[in-house]
């Protein structure tokens, strides 16, 4: 998809300007369009930027340890996130919003 490099450039610019929310809002729906190619440079960078903009990368190990993959992720509930040890309500809301955006 040709738009991906352009959108990544815009997201990088916004990130560097401190506009993480705008960068995330730009990338999250686009990232959700893809069903393959997640090993490409652009999609790896998009994933990393999305994770950093959410500030939730500390939960990555928990997700891996509990085998939360692309099939399980869209089915997670707030109760599931609590069970995983994500105690902060704000973090659960952010995660559920990001999951919903990826599935849209």
PDB file of N, CA and C in Angstrom:
ATOM      1  N   UNK A   1       0.848  -1.171   0.000  1.00  0.00           N
ATOM      2  CA  UNK A   1       0.000   0.000   0.000  1.00  0.00           C
ATOM      3  C   UNK A   1       0.896   1.237   0.000  1.00  0.00           C
ATOM      4  N   UNK A   2       0.729   2.061  -0.988  1.00  0.00           N
ATOM      5  CA  UNK A   2       1.621   3.211  -1.168  1.00  0.00           C
ATOM      6  C   UNK A   2       1.460   4.277  -0.103  1.00  0.00           C
ATOM      7  N   UNK A   3       0.287   4.350   0.511  1.00  0.00           N
ATOM      8  CA  UNK A   3       0.059   5.393   1.512  1.00  0.00           C
ATOM      9  C   UNK A   3       0.853   5.163   2.788  1.00  0.00           C
ATOM     10  N   UNK A   4       1.257   3.946   3.037  1.00  0.00           N
ATOM     11  CA  UNK A   4       1.913   3.613   4.302  1.00  0.00           C
ATOM     12  C   UNK A   4       3.177   4.451   4.557  1.00  0.00           C
ATOM     13  N   UNK A   5       4.113   4.553   3.610  1.00  0.00           N
ATOM     14  CA  UNK A   5       5.301   5.385   3.883  1.00  0.00           C
ATOM     15  C   UNK A   5       4.952   6.849   4.149  1.00  0.00           C
ATOM     16  N   UNK A   6       3.966   7.364   3.420  1.00  0.00           N
ATOM     17  CA  UNK A   6       3.562   8.753   3.629  1.00  0.00           C
ATOM     18  C   UNK A   6       2.958   8.928   5.027  1.00  0.00           C
ATOM     19  N   UNK A   7       2.107   7.994   5.409  1.00  0.00           N
ATOM     20  CA  UNK A   7       1.479   8.088   6.723  1.00  0.00           C
ATOM     21  C   UNK A   7       2.507   7.911   7.837  1.00  0.00           C
ATOM     22  N   UNK A   8       3.482   7.045   7.617  1.00  0.00           N
ATOM     23  CA  UNK A   8       4.541   6.872   8.606  1.00  0.00           C
ATOM     24  C   UNK A   8       5.337   8.166   8.762  1.00  0.00           C
ATOM     25  N   UNK A   9       5.610   8.840   7.657  1.00  0.00           N
ATOM     26  CA  UNK A   9       6.340  10.113   7.723  1.00  0.00           C
ATOM     27  C   UNK A   9       5.555  11.134   8.536  1.00  0.00           C
ATOM     28  N   UNK A  10       4.259  11.213   8.270  1.00  0.00           N
ATOM     29  CA  UNK A  10       3.416  12.154   9.000  1.00  0.00           C
ATOM     30  C   UNK A  10       3.348  11.780  10.484  1.00  0.00           C
ATOM     31  N   UNK A  11       3.213  10.500  10.767  1.00  0.00           N
ATOM     32  CA  UNK A  11       3.151  10.051  12.160  1.00  0.00           C
ATOM     33  C   UNK A  11       4.458  10.346  12.892  1.00  0.00           C
ATOM     34  N   UNK A  12       5.594  10.137  12.215  1.00  0.00           N
ATOM     35  CA  UNK A  12       6.894  10.454  12.817  1.00  0.00           C
ATOM     36  C   UNK A  12       6.993  11.938  13.141  1.00  0.00           C
ATOM     37  N   UNK A  13       6.572  12.769  12.193  1.00  0.00           N
ATOM     38  CA  UNK A  13       6.607  14.220  12.396  1.00  0.00           C
ATOM     39  C   UNK A  13       5.756  14.605  13.603  1.00  0.00           C
ATOM     40  N   UNK A  14       4.530  14.103  13.647  1.00  0.00           N
ATOM     41  CA  UNK A  14       3.655  14.428  14.769  1.00  0.00           C
ATOM     42  C   UNK A  14       4.220  13.917  16.083  1.00  0.00           C
ATOM     43  N   UNK A  15       4.793  12.708  16.073  1.00  0.00           N
ATOM     44  CA  UNK A  15       5.409  12.157  17.288  1.00  0.00           C
ATOM     45  C   UNK A  15       6.517  13.082  17.765  1.00  0.00           C
ATOM     46  N   UNK A  16       7.384  13.508  16.842  1.00  0.00           N
ATOM     47  CA  UNK A  16       8.505  14.375  17.186  1.00  0.00           C
ATOM     48  C   UNK A  16       8.050  15.742  17.677  1.00  0.00           C
ATOM     49  N   UNK A  17       6.869  16.162  17.246  1.00  0.00           N
ATOM     50  CA  UNK A  17       6.311  17.440  17.697  1.00  0.00           C
ATOM     51  C   UNK A  17       5.512  17.284  18.988  1.00  0.00           C
ATOM     52  N   UNK A  18       5.491  16.073  19.540  1.00  0.00           N
ATOM     53  CA  UNK A  18       4.759  15.833  20.777  1.00  0.00           C
ATOM     54  C   UNK A  18       3.281  15.571  20.583  1.00  0.00           C
ATOM     55  N   UNK A  19       2.881  15.280  19.369  1.00  0.00           N
ATOM     56  CA  UNK A  19       1.467  15.025  19.059  1.00  0.00           C
ATOM     57  C   UNK A  19       1.219  13.519  18.935  1.00  0.00           C
ATOM     58  N   UNK A  20       1.481  12.797  20.036  1.00  0.00           N
ATOM     59  CA  UNK A  20       1.355  11.345  20.013  1.00  0.00           C
ATOM     60  C   UNK A  20      -0.076  10.893  19.724  1.00  0.00           C
ATOM     61  N   UNK A  21      -1.056  11.601  20.271  1.00  0.00           N
ATOM     62  CA  UNK A  21      -2.449  11.205  20.036  1.00  0.00           C
ATOM     63  C   UNK A  21      -2.803  11.278  18.557  1.00  0.00           C
ATOM     64  N   UNK A  22      -2.363  12.348  17.899  1.00  0.00           N
ATOM     65  CA  UNK A  22      -2.649  12.495  16.476  1.00  0.00           C
ATOM     66  C   UNK A  22      -1.959  11.397  15.659  1.00  0.00           C
ATOM     67  N   UNK A  23      -0.723  11.090  16.027  1.00  0.00           N
ATOM     68  CA  UNK A  23       0.021  10.029  15.330  1.00  0.00           C
ATOM     69  C   UNK A  23      -0.684   8.697  15.493  1.00  0.00           C
ATOM     70  N   UNK A  24      -1.124   8.409  16.716  1.00  0.00           N
ATOM     71  CA  UNK A  24      -1.830   7.147  16.979  1.00  0.00           C
ATOM     72  C   UNK A  24      -3.145   7.086  16.196  1.00  0.00           C
ATOM     73  N   UNK A  25      -3.896   8.178  16.194  1.00  0.00           N
ATOM     74  CA  UNK A  25      -5.176   8.205  15.484  1.00  0.00           C
ATOM     75  C   UNK A  25      -4.993   8.026  13.983  1.00  0.00           C
ATOM     76  N   UNK A  26      -3.870   8.482  13.461  1.00  0.00           N
ATOM     77  CA  UNK A  26      -3.579   8.306  12.041  1.00  0.00           C
ATOM     78  C   UNK A  26      -3.237   6.851  11.729  1.00  0.00           C
ATOM     79  N   UNK A  27      -2.400   6.246  12.566  1.00  0.00           N
ATOM     80  CA  UNK A  27      -1.873   4.915  12.260  1.00  0.00           C
ATOM     81  C   UNK A  27      -2.776   3.755  12.662  1.00  0.00           C
ATOM     82  N   UNK A  28      -3.490   3.865  13.758  1.00  0.00           N
ATOM     83  CA  UNK A  28      -4.249   2.719  14.271  1.00  0.00           C
ATOM     84  C   UNK A  28      -5.223   2.146  13.243  1.00  0.00           C
ATOM     85  N   UNK A  29      -6.040   2.961  12.589  1.00  0.00           N
ATOM     86  CA  UNK A  29      -6.956   2.368  11.606  1.00  0.00           C
ATOM     87  C   UNK A  29      -6.228   1.751  10.415  1.00  0.00           C
ATOM     88  N   UNK A  30      -5.168   2.392   9.962  1.00  0.00           N
ATOM     89  CA  UNK A  30      -4.416   1.884   8.819  1.00  0.00           C
ATOM     90  C   UNK A  30      -3.761   0.553   9.166  1.00  0.00           C
ATOM     91  N   UNK A  31      -3.176   0.477  10.351  1.00  0.00           N
ATOM     92  CA  UNK A  31      -2.540  -0.771  10.792  1.00  0.00           C
ATOM     93  C   UNK A  31      -3.571  -1.904  10.823  1.00  0.00           C
ATOM     94  N   UNK A  32      -4.787  -1.576  11.206  1.00  0.00           N
ATOM     95  CA  UNK A  32      -5.843  -2.570  11.267  1.00  0.00           C
ATOM     96  C   UNK A  32      -6.283  -3.102   9.914  1.00  0.00           C
ATOM     97  N   UNK A  33      -5.963  -2.400   8.826  1.00  0.00           N
ATOM     98  CA  UNK A  33      -6.340  -2.857   7.482  1.00  0.00           C
ATOM     99  C   UNK A  33      -5.561  -4.092   7.066  1.00  0.00           C
ATOM    100  N   UNK A  34      -4.363  -4.267   7.628  1.00  0.00           N
ATOM    101  CA  UNK A  34      -3.469  -5.310   7.152  1.00  0.00           C
ATOM    102  C   UNK A  34      -3.791  -6.667   7.772  1.00  0.00           C
ATOM    103  N   UNK A  35      -3.678  -7.677   6.968  1.00  0.00           N
ATOM    104  CA  UNK A  35      -3.858  -9.051   7.444  1.00  0.00           C
ATOM    105  C   UNK A  35      -2.564  -9.852   7.286  1.00  0.00           C
ATOM    106  N   UNK A  36      -1.582  -9.269   6.632  1.00  0.00           N
ATOM    107  CA  UNK A  36      -0.285  -9.920   6.459  1.00  0.00           C
ATOM    108  C   UNK A  36       0.762  -8.835   6.239  1.00  0.00           C
ATOM    109  N   UNK A  37       2.016  -9.255   6.140  1.00  0.00           N
ATOM    110  CA  UNK A  37       3.093  -8.299   5.902  1.00  0.00           C
ATOM    111  C   UNK A  37       3.582  -7.599   7.154  1.00  0.00           C
ATOM    112  N   UNK A  38       3.269  -8.168   8.329  1.00  0.00           N
ATOM    113  CA  UNK A  38       3.639  -7.524   9.582  1.00  0.00           C
ATOM    114  C   UNK A  38       5.141  -7.516   9.831  1.00  0.00           C
ATOM    115  N   UNK A  39       5.893  -8.233   8.996  1.00  0.00           N
ATOM    116  CA  UNK A  39       7.345  -8.243   9.145  1.00  0.00           C
ATOM    117  C   UNK A  39       8.019  -7.180   8.285  1.00  0.00           C
ATOM    118  N   UNK A  40       7.244  -6.363   7.563  1.00  0.00           N
ATOM    119  CA  UNK A  40       7.834  -5.292   6.757  1.00  0.00           C
ATOM    120  C   UNK A  40       8.273  -4.145   7.664  1.00  0.00           C
ATOM    121  N   UNK A  41       9.233  -3.381   7.193  1.00  0.00           N
ATOM    122  CA  UNK A  41       9.773  -2.277   7.988  1.00  0.00           C
ATOM    123  C   UNK A  41       8.697  -1.270   8.382  1.00  0.00           C
ATOM    124  N   UNK A  42       7.846  -0.880   7.428  1.00  0.00           N
ATOM    125  CA  UNK A  42       6.829   0.122   7.721  1.00  0.00           C
ATOM    126  C   UNK A  42       5.856  -0.352   8.798  1.00  0.00           C
ATOM    127  N   UNK A  43       5.395  -1.590   8.702  1.00  0.00           N
ATOM    128  CA  UNK A  43       4.437  -2.071   9.690  1.00  0.00           C
ATOM    129  C   UNK A  43       5.092  -2.323  11.041  1.00  0.00           C
ATOM    130  N   UNK A  44       6.339  -2.750  11.043  1.00  0.00           N
ATOM    131  CA  UNK A  44       7.049  -2.894  12.318  1.00  0.00           C
ATOM    132  C   UNK A  44       7.181  -1.530  12.994  1.00  0.00           C
ATOM    133  N   UNK A  45       7.531  -0.527  12.202  1.00  0.00           N
ATOM    134  CA  UNK A  45       7.686   0.815  12.768  1.00  0.00           C
ATOM    135  C   UNK A  45       6.339   1.361  13.235  1.00  0.00           C
ATOM    136  N   UNK A  46       5.284   1.111  12.446  1.00  0.00           N
ATOM    137  CA  UNK A  46       3.949   1.570  12.842  1.00  0.00           C
ATOM    138  C   UNK A  46       3.544   0.931  14.169  1.00  0.00           C
ATOM    139  N   UNK A  47       3.782  -0.352  14.305  1.00  0.00           N
ATOM    140  CA  UNK A  47       3.453  -1.060  15.544  1.00  0.00           C
ATOM    141  C   UNK A  47       4.220  -0.461  16.721  1.00  0.00           C
ATOM    142  N   UNK A  48       5.509  -0.235  16.534  1.00  0.00           N
ATOM    143  CA  UNK A  48       6.332   0.319  17.609  1.00  0.00           C
ATOM    144  C   UNK A  48       5.855   1.721  17.988  1.00  0.00           C
ATOM    145  N   UNK A  49       5.541   2.536  16.982  1.00  0.00           N
ATOM    146  CA  UNK A  49       5.076   3.887  17.264  1.00  0.00           C
ATOM    147  C   UNK A  49       3.747   3.843  18.009  1.00  0.00           C
ATOM    148  N   UNK A  50       2.849   2.964  17.591  1.00  0.00           N
ATOM    149  CA  UNK A  50       1.562   2.837  18.283  1.00  0.00           C
ATOM    150  C   UNK A  50       1.770   2.403  19.729  1.00  0.00           C
ATOM    151  N   UNK A  51       2.626   1.433  19.944  1.00  0.00           N
ATOM    152  CA  UNK A  51       2.869   0.952  21.304  1.00  0.00           C
ATOM    153  C   UNK A  51       3.475   2.039  22.182  1.00  0.00           C
ATOM    154  N   UNK A  52       4.461   2.761  21.641  1.00  0.00           N
ATOM    155  CA  UNK A  52       5.096   3.827  22.429  1.00  0.00           C
ATOM    156  C   UNK A  52       4.136   4.971  22.689  1.00  0.00           C
ATOM    157  N   UNK A  53       3.289   5.296  21.721  1.00  0.00           N
ATOM    158  CA  UNK A  53       2.381   6.421  21.917  1.00  0.00           C
ATOM    159  C   UNK A  53       1.337   6.087  22.975  1.00  0.00           C
ATOM    160  N   UNK A  54       1.016   4.826  23.127  1.00  0.00           N
ATOM    161  CA  UNK A  54       0.085   4.429  24.169  1.00  0.00           C
ATOM    162  C   UNK A  54       0.763   4.365  25.536  1.00  0.00           C
ATOM    163  N   UNK A  55       2.079   4.185  25.546  1.00  0.00           N
ATOM    164  CA  UNK A  55       2.812   4.085  26.792  1.00  0.00           C
ATOM    165  C   UNK A  55       2.555   2.777  27.524  1.00  0.00           C
ATOM    166  N   UNK A  56       2.190   1.744  26.787  1.00  0.00           N
ATOM    167  CA  UNK A  56       1.802   0.484  27.410  1.00  0.00           C
ATOM    168  C   UNK A  56       2.737  -0.661  27.068  1.00  0.00           C
ATOM    169  N   UNK A  57       3.912  -0.349  26.587  1.00  0.00           N
ATOM    170  CA  UNK A  57       4.834  -1.410  26.187  1.00  0.00           C
ATOM    171  C   UNK A  57       5.244  -2.297  27.357  1.00  0.00           C
ATOM    172  N   UNK A  58       5.042  -1.816  28.586  1.00  0.00           N
ATOM    173  CA  UNK A  58       5.399  -2.622  29.761  1.00  0.00           C
ATOM    174  C   UNK A  58       4.539  -3.879  29.892  1.00  0.00           C
ATOM    175  N   UNK A  59       3.421  -3.931  29.172  1.00  0.00           N
ATOM    176  CA  UNK A  59       2.547  -5.097  29.242  1.00  0.00           C
ATOM    177  C   UNK A  59       2.879  -6.154  28.184  1.00  0.00           C
ATOM    178  N   UNK A  60       3.836  -5.871  27.335  1.00  0.00           N
ATOM    179  CA  UNK A  60       4.161  -6.803  26.250  1.00  0.00           C
ATOM    180  C   UNK A  60       4.540  -8.189  26.791  1.00  0.00           C
ATOM    181  N   UNK A  61       5.370  -8.235  27.820  1.00  0.00           N
ATOM    182  CA  UNK A  61       5.782  -9.529  28.377  1.00  0.00           C
ATOM    183  C   UNK A  61       4.583 -10.296  28.927  1.00  0.00           C
ATOM    184  N   UNK A  62       3.672  -9.594  29.576  1.00  0.00           N
ATOM    185  CA  UNK A  62       2.463 -10.232  30.110  1.00  0.00           C
ATOM    186  C   UNK A  62       1.639 -10.842  28.993  1.00  0.00           C
ATOM    187  N   UNK A  63       1.502 -10.113  27.892  1.00  0.00           N
ATOM    188  CA  UNK A  63       0.730 -10.620  26.758  1.00  0.00           C
ATOM    189  C   UNK A  63       1.406 -11.857  26.171  1.00  0.00           C
ATOM    190  N   UNK A  64       2.718 -11.816  26.050  1.00  0.00           N
ATOM    191  CA  UNK A  64       3.451 -12.967  25.504  1.00  0.00           C
ATOM    192  C   UNK A  64       3.342 -14.176  26.436  1.00  0.00           C
ATOM    193  N   UNK A  65       3.544 -13.960  27.740  1.00  0.00           N
ATOM    194  CA  UNK A  65       3.483 -15.054  28.712  1.00  0.00           C
ATOM    195  C   UNK A  65       2.115 -15.728  28.729  1.00  0.00           C
ATOM    196  N   UNK A  66       1.077 -14.958  28.450  1.00  0.00           N
ATOM    197  CA  UNK A  66      -0.284 -15.485  28.472  1.00  0.00           C
ATOM    198  C   UNK A  66      -0.798 -15.856  27.083  1.00  0.00           C
ATOM    199  N   UNK A  67       0.132 -15.878  26.117  1.00  0.00           N
ATOM    200  CA  UNK A  67      -0.174 -16.282  24.748  1.00  0.00           C
ATOM    201  C   UNK A  67      -1.339 -15.493  24.136  1.00  0.00           C
ATOM    202  N   UNK A  68      -1.315 -14.178  24.373  1.00  0.00           N
ATOM    203  CA  UNK A  68      -2.294 -13.282  23.761  1.00  0.00           C
ATOM    204  C   UNK A  68      -1.779 -12.983  22.360  1.00  0.00           C
ATOM    205  N   UNK A  69      -2.448 -13.534  21.368  1.00  0.00           N
ATOM    206  CA  UNK A  69      -2.031 -13.354  19.978  1.00  0.00           C
ATOM    207  C   UNK A  69      -3.109 -12.619  19.200  1.00  0.00           C
ATOM    208  N   UNK A  70      -2.948 -12.551  17.886  1.00  0.00           N
ATOM    209  CA  UNK A  70      -3.879 -11.798  17.046  1.00  0.00           C
ATOM    210  C   UNK A  70      -5.283 -12.393  17.042  1.00  0.00           C
ATOM    211  N   UNK A  71      -5.417 -13.671  17.406  1.00  0.00           N
ATOM    212  CA  UNK A  71      -6.744 -14.293  17.467  1.00  0.00           C
ATOM    213  C   UNK A  71      -7.435 -14.016  18.794  1.00  0.00           C
ATOM    214  N   UNK A  72      -6.652 -13.926  19.859  1.00  0.00           N
ATOM    215  CA  UNK A  72      -7.196 -13.699  21.197  1.00  0.00           C
ATOM    216  C   UNK A  72      -7.433 -12.213  21.454  1.00  0.00           C
ATOM    217  N   UNK A  73      -6.537 -11.378  20.966  1.00  0.00           N
ATOM    218  CA  UNK A  73      -6.561  -9.943  21.248  1.00  0.00           C
ATOM    219  C   UNK A  73      -7.928  -9.293  21.027  1.00  0.00           C
ATOM    220  N   UNK A  74      -8.587  -9.502  19.889  1.00  0.00           N
ATOM    221  CA  UNK A  74      -9.869  -8.814  19.673  1.00  0.00           C
ATOM    222  C   UNK A  74     -10.975  -9.245  20.639  1.00  0.00           C
ATOM    223  N   UNK A  75     -10.780 -10.367  21.318  1.00  0.00           N
ATOM    224  CA  UNK A  75     -11.806 -10.895  22.223  1.00  0.00           C
ATOM    225  C   UNK A  75     -11.587 -10.491  23.680  1.00  0.00           C
ATOM    226  N   UNK A  76     -10.498  -9.782  23.961  1.00  0.00           N
ATOM    227  CA  UNK A  76     -10.208  -9.405  25.339  1.00  0.00           C
ATOM    228  C   UNK A  76     -11.254  -8.443  25.884  1.00  0.00           C
ATOM    229  N   UNK A  77     -11.591  -8.632  27.146  1.00  0.00           N
ATOM    230  CA  UNK A  77     -12.536  -7.757  27.841  1.00  0.00           C
ATOM    231  C   UNK A  77     -11.804  -7.025  28.958  1.00  0.00           C
ATOM    232  N   UNK A  78     -12.486  -6.069  29.558  1.00  0.00           N
ATOM    233  CA  UNK A  78     -11.904  -5.359  30.694  1.00  0.00           C
ATOM    234  C   UNK A  78     -11.592  -6.334  31.823  1.00  0.00           C
ATOM    235  N   UNK A  79     -12.463  -7.311  32.024  1.00  0.00           N
ATOM    236  CA  UNK A  79     -12.229  -8.320  33.064  1.00  0.00           C
ATOM    237  C   UNK A  79     -10.978  -9.146  32.755  1.00  0.00           C
ATOM    238  N   UNK A  80     -10.790  -9.499  31.475  1.00  0.00           N
ATOM    239  CA  UNK A  80      -9.579 -10.228  31.082  1.00  0.00           C
ATOM    240  C   UNK A  80      -8.329  -9.409  31.396  1.00  0.00           C
ATOM    241  N   UNK A  81      -8.372  -8.124  31.098  1.00  0.00           N
ATOM    242  CA  UNK A  81      -7.214  -7.271  31.344  1.00  0.00           C
ATOM    243  C   UNK A  81      -6.907  -7.191  32.841  1.00  0.00           C
ATOM    244  N   UNK A  82      -7.954  -7.142  33.662  1.00  0.00           N
ATOM    245  CA  UNK A  82      -7.747  -7.174  35.120  1.00  0.00           C
ATOM    246  C   UNK A  82      -7.059  -8.470  35.523  1.00  0.00           C
ATOM    247  N   UNK A  83      -7.545  -9.575  34.961  1.00  0.00           N
ATOM    248  CA  UNK A  83      -6.963 -10.878  35.282  1.00  0.00           C
ATOM    249  C   UNK A  83      -5.490 -10.955  34.872  1.00  0.00           C
ATOM    250  N   UNK A  84      -5.131 -10.243  33.816  1.00  0.00           N
ATOM    251  CA  UNK A  84      -3.735 -10.193  33.373  1.00  0.00           C
ATOM    252  C   UNK A  84      -2.878  -9.299  34.268  1.00  0.00           C
ATOM    253  N   UNK A  85      -3.526  -8.601  35.205  1.00  0.00           N
ATOM    254  CA  UNK A  85      -2.777  -7.755  36.127  1.00  0.00           C
ATOM    255  C   UNK A  85      -2.706  -6.298  35.728  1.00  0.00           C
ATOM    256  N   UNK A  86      -3.510  -5.897  34.763  1.00  0.00           N
ATOM    257  CA  UNK A  86      -3.533  -4.491  34.340  1.00  0.00           C
ATOM    258  C   UNK A  86      -4.545  -3.783  35.230  1.00  0.00           C
ATOM    259  N   UNK A  87      -4.030  -3.243  36.326  1.00  0.00           N
ATOM    260  CA  UNK A  87      -4.883  -2.702  37.377  1.00  0.00           C
ATOM    261  C   UNK A  87      -5.422  -1.307  37.071  1.00  0.00           C
ATOM    262  N   UNK A  88      -4.643  -0.499  36.376  1.00  0.00           N
ATOM    263  CA  UNK A  88      -5.039   0.890  36.132  1.00  0.00           C
ATOM    264  C   UNK A  88      -6.200   0.962  35.142  1.00  0.00           C
ATOM    265  N   UNK A  89      -7.288   1.572  35.577  1.00  0.00           N
ATOM    266  CA  UNK A  89      -8.467   1.703  34.725  1.00  0.00           C
ATOM    267  C   UNK A  89      -8.127   2.423  33.423  1.00  0.00           C
ATOM    268  N   UNK A  90      -7.324   3.472  33.517  1.00  0.00           N
ATOM    269  CA  UNK A  90      -6.949   4.219  32.317  1.00  0.00           C
ATOM    270  C   UNK A  90      -6.222   3.358  31.300  1.00  0.00           C
ATOM    271  N   UNK A  91      -5.327   2.519  31.770  1.00  0.00           N
ATOM    272  CA  UNK A  91      -4.600   1.633  30.860  1.00  0.00           C
ATOM    273  C   UNK A  91      -5.534   0.609  30.219  1.00  0.00           C
ATOM    274  N   UNK A  92      -6.480   0.089  31.018  1.00  0.00           N
ATOM    275  CA  UNK A  92      -7.442  -0.862  30.438  1.00  0.00           C
ATOM    276  C   UNK A  92      -8.281  -0.183  29.366  1.00  0.00           C
ATOM    277  N   UNK A  93      -8.727   1.033  29.634  1.00  0.00           N
ATOM    278  CA  UNK A  93      -9.539   1.775  28.640  1.00  0.00           C
ATOM    279  C   UNK A  93      -8.736   2.048  27.373  1.00  0.00           C
ATOM    280  N   UNK A  94      -7.484   2.453  27.534  1.00  0.00           N
ATOM    281  CA  UNK A  94      -6.635   2.728  26.374  1.00  0.00           C
ATOM    282  C   UNK A  94      -6.432   1.459  25.556  1.00  0.00           C
ATOM    283  N   UNK A  95      -6.140   0.352  26.248  1.00  0.00           N
ATOM    284  CA  UNK A  95      -5.943  -0.913  25.539  1.00  0.00           C
ATOM    285  C   UNK A  95      -7.205  -1.340  24.802  1.00  0.00           C
ATOM    286  N   UNK A  96      -8.344  -1.261  25.454  1.00  0.00           N
ATOM    287  CA  UNK A  96      -9.602  -1.667  24.806  1.00  0.00           C
ATOM    288  C   UNK A  96      -9.912  -0.769  23.615  1.00  0.00           C
ATOM    289  N   UNK A  97      -9.619   0.526  23.733  1.00  0.00           N
ATOM    290  CA  UNK A  97      -9.824   1.437  22.609  1.00  0.00           C
ATOM    291  C   UNK A  97      -8.915   1.113  21.439  1.00  0.00           C
ATOM    292  N   UNK A  98      -7.647   0.810  21.745  1.00  0.00           N
ATOM    293  CA  UNK A  98      -6.699   0.463  20.682  1.00  0.00           C
ATOM    294  C   UNK A  98      -7.075  -0.854  20.018  1.00  0.00           C
ATOM    295  N   UNK A  99      -7.519  -1.817  20.820  1.00  0.00           N
ATOM    296  CA  UNK A  99      -7.947  -3.103  20.275  1.00  0.00           C
ATOM    297  C   UNK A  99      -9.147  -2.908  19.356  1.00  0.00           C
ATOM    298  N   UNK A 100     -10.090  -2.089  19.778  1.00  0.00           N
ATOM    299  CA  UNK A 100     -11.277  -1.804  18.961  1.00  0.00           C
ATOM    300  C   UNK A 100     -10.880  -1.117  17.652  1.00  0.00           C
ATOM    301  N   UNK A 101      -9.929  -0.180  17.730  1.00  0.00           N
ATOM    302  CA  UNK A 101      -9.485   0.530  16.524  1.00  0.00           C
ATOM    303  C   UNK A 101      -8.803  -0.399  15.546  1.00  0.00           C
ATOM    304  N   UNK A 102      -8.041  -1.363  16.052  1.00  0.00           N
ATOM    305  CA  UNK A 102      -7.370  -2.310  15.166  1.00  0.00           C
ATOM    306  C   UNK A 102      -8.361  -3.250  14.497  1.00  0.00           C
ATOM    307  N   UNK A 103      -9.456  -3.514  15.181  1.00  0.00           N
ATOM    308  CA  UNK A 103     -10.454  -4.422  14.622  1.00  0.00           C
ATOM    309  C   UNK A 103     -11.476  -3.736  13.735  1.00  0.00           C
ATOM    310  N   UNK A 104     -11.463  -2.412  13.711  1.00  0.00           N
ATOM    311  CA  UNK A 104     -12.468  -1.665  12.913  1.00  0.00           C
ATOM    312  C   UNK A 104     -12.228  -1.783  11.436  1.00  0.00           C
TER     313      UNK A 104
END
